[in-house]
Amino acid sequence: MRARIRPAWPGASVAAPATTVQCTPADNLAIHVAVANAAAGTVLVVNVGDERELGYWGEVLTTGAQARGIAGLVIDGCVRDIDALQRLGFPVFSTGIALPGASKKQPGRVGGLVRVGDVEVGQGDWLVADADGVTVVAAASVDTVLAAGNARAAKESQLFTELKNGNTTIELLGLDPSVIEHGGTDD
């Protein structure tokens, strides 16, 4: 997802399948419905439309979500009560922090496709989020992506060992340094 979606508090991380939510701008009724109905172990993935700077989520919804076993929140909008979210250990990834709340009256949708952080997310797709950002893995690709991730981790482990033994990234990655100009000395 775009870099605007980032952890609301340091150390937040989550990896879980998505329950998708589409809100009407400036309204979070669909989020309340999702918290009441989402399967335990899922992460809510929320599009709030073009009115991002409201506190769509805070301590009250966090408490309700945790009681229902919801794993976390990824929202293309703002949240509030950051100290409480961190104290409760509830992983939240958002565009920012805003105090004013949203209304709770307008239509919305739970399930289906949503666009969050400029990425299409479907119900059941996996979200993996930490300090580096948020990524989406299509539900049908989870096993393939997991195998590729494990292979990359093994390759990088070997790379780190070789680097610590004095090899350079130029050697190990087969890079061509001949295209880099080196400045001369001034006489």
Protein backbone atom coordinates (compact mmCIF):
# COMPACT_ATOMS: atom_id res chain seq x y z
CA MET A 1 0.00 0.00 0.00
CA ARG A 2 1.01 3.63 -0.33
CA ALA A 3 3.31 4.97 2.38
CA ARG A 4 0.49 7.15 3.75
CA ILE A 5 -0.80 3.99 5.49
CA ARG A 6 1.52 3.51 8.46
CA PRO A 7 1.48 2.21 12.03
CA ALA A 8 -0.54 4.34 14.42
CA TRP A 9 1.87 3.39 17.21
CA PRO A 10 5.45 2.01 17.28
CA GLY A 11 5.68 -1.77 17.19
CA ALA A 12 2.26 -2.42 15.67
CA SER A 13 2.19 -5.47 13.39
CA VAL A 14 -0.46 -7.80 12.03
CA ALA A 15 -0.80 -10.64 9.52
CA ALA A 16 -4.34 -11.85 8.92
CA PRO A 17 -7.05 -12.27 6.31
CA ALA A 18 -9.15 -9.22 5.45
CA THR A 19 -12.68 -8.29 6.31
CA THR A 20 -13.28 -5.41 3.91
CA VAL A 21 -15.31 -2.31 4.76
CA GLN A 22 -16.53 0.57 2.58
CA CYS A 23 -17.76 3.65 4.43
CA THR A 24 -19.63 6.68 3.21
CA PRO A 25 -17.25 9.65 3.61
CA ALA A 26 -17.44 11.16 7.13
CA ASP A 27 -19.44 8.19 8.48
CA ASN A 28 -18.28 5.03 10.26
CA LEU A 29 -21.52 3.02 10.67
CA ALA A 30 -20.11 0.31 8.35
CA ILE A 31 -17.12 -0.07 10.69
CA HIS A 32 -19.43 -0.63 13.67
CA VAL A 33 -21.33 -3.27 11.65
CA ALA A 34 -18.04 -4.94 10.68
CA VAL A 35 -16.86 -5.09 14.30
CA ALA A 36 -20.15 -6.74 15.26
CA ASN A 37 -19.99 -9.30 12.44
CA ALA A 38 -16.38 -9.94 11.36
CA ALA A 39 -14.87 -13.35 11.94
CA ALA A 40 -12.34 -13.60 14.76
CA GLY A 41 -8.76 -13.49 13.51
CA THR A 42 -9.45 -11.10 10.62
CA VAL A 43 -8.12 -7.60 10.08
CA LEU A 44 -10.58 -4.87 9.12
CA VAL A 45 -9.51 -3.13 5.89
CA VAL A 46 -11.43 0.13 5.54
CA ASN A 47 -11.95 2.72 2.81
CA VAL A 48 -13.51 5.94 4.15
CA GLY A 49 -13.65 7.78 0.84
CA ASP A 50 -12.23 11.24 0.35
CA GLU A 51 -12.90 12.57 3.88
CA ARG A 52 -9.91 11.00 5.65
CA GLU A 53 -9.30 13.50 8.45
CA LEU A 54 -11.82 12.31 11.00
CA GLY A 55 -11.29 9.92 13.91
CA TYR A 56 -13.08 6.91 12.41
CA TRP A 57 -11.67 4.56 15.04
CA GLY A 58 -10.66 4.87 18.68
CA GLU A 59 -10.63 3.16 22.05
CA VAL A 60 -14.34 2.23 22.03
CA LEU A 61 -14.18 0.36 18.72
CA THR A 62 -10.84 -1.19 19.75
CA THR A 63 -12.36 -2.58 22.94
CA GLY A 64 -15.28 -4.03 20.97
CA ALA A 65 -12.98 -5.46 18.29
CA GLN A 66 -10.68 -7.12 20.81
CA ALA A 67 -13.65 -8.67 22.63
CA ARG A 68 -14.68 -10.25 19.31
CA GLY A 69 -11.17 -11.48 18.45
CA ILE A 70 -10.52 -9.08 15.55
CA ALA A 71 -6.79 -9.04 14.78
CA GLY A 72 -6.27 -5.41 13.70
CA LEU A 73 -7.25 -2.47 11.50
CA VAL A 74 -5.90 -1.04 8.25
CA ILE A 75 -7.75 2.16 7.35
CA ASP A 76 -7.25 4.73 4.61
CA GLY A 77 -8.30 7.42 7.07
CA CYS A 78 -7.49 8.74 10.51
CA VAL A 79 -7.91 7.28 13.98
CA ARG A 80 -7.72 8.64 17.52
CA ASP A 81 -6.95 7.52 21.09
CA ILE A 82 -3.45 6.42 20.05
CA ASP A 83 -2.19 5.96 23.62
CA ALA A 84 -5.09 3.59 24.32
CA LEU A 85 -4.55 1.67 21.08
CA GLN A 86 -0.91 1.15 22.03
CA ARG A 87 -1.70 0.29 25.66
CA LEU A 88 -4.25 -2.27 24.47
CA GLY A 89 -1.76 -3.64 21.93
CA PHE A 90 -4.25 -3.40 19.06
CA PRO A 91 -2.43 -3.09 15.72
CA VAL A 92 -3.73 -0.13 13.71
CA PHE A 93 -2.39 1.21 10.42
CA SER A 94 -3.86 4.53 9.28
CA THR A 95 -3.18 7.74 7.38
CA GLY A 96 -2.96 9.80 10.54
CA ILE A 97 -4.56 11.00 13.74
CA ALA A 98 -7.67 13.18 14.01
CA LEU A 99 -9.86 13.95 17.00
CA PRO A 100 -13.26 14.87 15.48
CA GLY A 101 -15.49 11.83 15.12
CA ALA A 102 -17.56 10.57 12.21
CA SER A 103 -21.34 10.25 12.00
CA LYS A 104 -22.99 6.84 12.30
CA LYS A 105 -25.99 7.08 9.95
CA GLN A 106 -24.97 6.58 6.33
CA PRO A 107 -24.96 3.42 4.20
CA GLY A 108 -21.82 1.42 3.60
CA ARG A 109 -20.73 -2.13 2.85
CA VAL A 110 -18.97 -5.00 4.60
CA GLY A 111 -17.34 -7.49 2.22
CA GLY A 112 -16.44 -7.24 -1.44
CA LEU A 113 -13.64 -5.23 -3.01
CA VAL A 114 -12.31 -2.01 -1.47
CA ARG A 115 -9.47 0.27 -2.49
CA VAL A 116 -7.19 1.07 0.46
CA GLY A 117 -3.82 2.76 0.10
CA ASP A 118 -4.37 2.68 -3.68
CA VAL A 119 -4.51 -1.15 -3.67
CA GLU A 120 -7.55 -3.32 -4.38
CA VAL A 121 -8.28 -5.63 -1.44
CA GLY A 122 -10.80 -8.45 -1.53
CA GLN A 123 -12.53 -10.24 1.31
CA GLY A 124 -10.11 -12.94 2.54
CA ASP A 125 -6.96 -11.45 0.99
CA TRP A 126 -4.10 -11.40 3.48
CA LEU A 127 -2.70 -8.19 4.97
CA VAL A 128 0.82 -8.18 6.36
CA ALA A 129 1.75 -4.95 8.13
CA ASP A 130 4.60 -3.73 10.29
CA ALA A 131 6.89 -0.72 10.66
CA ASP A 132 7.94 -1.00 6.99
CA GLY A 133 4.39 -0.72 5.65
CA VAL A 134 1.38 -2.73 4.58
CA THR A 135 1.24 -5.32 1.82
CA VAL A 136 -1.67 -7.29 0.40
CA VAL A 137 -1.44 -10.91 -0.72
CA ALA A 138 -4.32 -12.27 -2.78
CA ALA A 139 -5.95 -15.19 -0.97
CA ALA A 140 -5.21 -17.52 -3.91
CA SER A 141 -1.48 -16.63 -3.79
CA VAL A 142 -0.72 -17.03 -0.08
CA ASP A 143 1.12 -20.38 -0.38
CA THR A 144 3.20 -19.22 -3.37
CA VAL A 145 4.12 -15.92 -1.70
CA LEU A 146 4.99 -17.65 1.57
CA ALA A 147 7.33 -20.07 -0.24
CA ALA A 148 8.99 -17.19 -2.11
CA GLY A 149 9.38 -15.26 1.15
CA ASN A 150 11.02 -18.22 2.86
CA ALA A 151 13.40 -18.66 -0.09
CA ARG A 152 14.32 -14.97 0.02
CA ALA A 153 14.93 -15.09 3.77
CA ALA A 154 17.30 -18.05 3.32
CA LYS A 155 19.14 -16.25 0.49
CA GLU A 156 19.48 -13.07 2.55
CA SER A 157 20.77 -15.05 5.54
CA GLN A 158 23.57 -16.39 3.35
CA LEU A 159 24.17 -12.88 1.95
CA PHE A 160 24.55 -11.45 5.47
CA THR A 161 27.07 -14.16 6.35
CA GLU A 162 29.12 -13.41 3.22
CA LEU A 163 29.02 -9.65 3.86
CA LYS A 164 30.26 -10.18 7.42
CA ASN A 165 33.11 -12.24 5.95
CA GLY A 166 34.27 -9.24 3.91
CA ASN A 167 32.60 -9.78 0.54
CA THR A 168 30.93 -6.77 -1.09
CA THR A 169 27.44 -6.40 -2.47
CA ILE A 170 29.06 -5.68 -5.84
CA GLU A 171 30.59 -9.18 -5.84
CA LEU A 172 27.66 -11.01 -4.30
CA LEU A 173 24.95 -9.41 -6.43
CA GLY A 174 26.95 -9.41 -9.66
CA LEU A 175 26.70 -5.63 -10.04
CA ASP A 176 28.53 -3.74 -12.81
CA PRO A 177 30.50 -0.89 -11.19
CA SER A 178 32.00 0.19 -14.53
CA VAL A 179 29.04 2.52 -15.19
CA ILE A 180 29.88 4.63 -12.14
CA GLU A 181 32.17 7.60 -12.70
CA HIS A 182 34.75 8.34 -10.07
CA GLY A 183 35.73 11.96 -9.46
CA GLY A 184 39.36 12.89 -9.81
CA THR A 185 41.48 14.82 -7.40
CA ASP A 186 41.62 18.59 -7.61
CA ASP A 187 45.16 19.83 -8.39
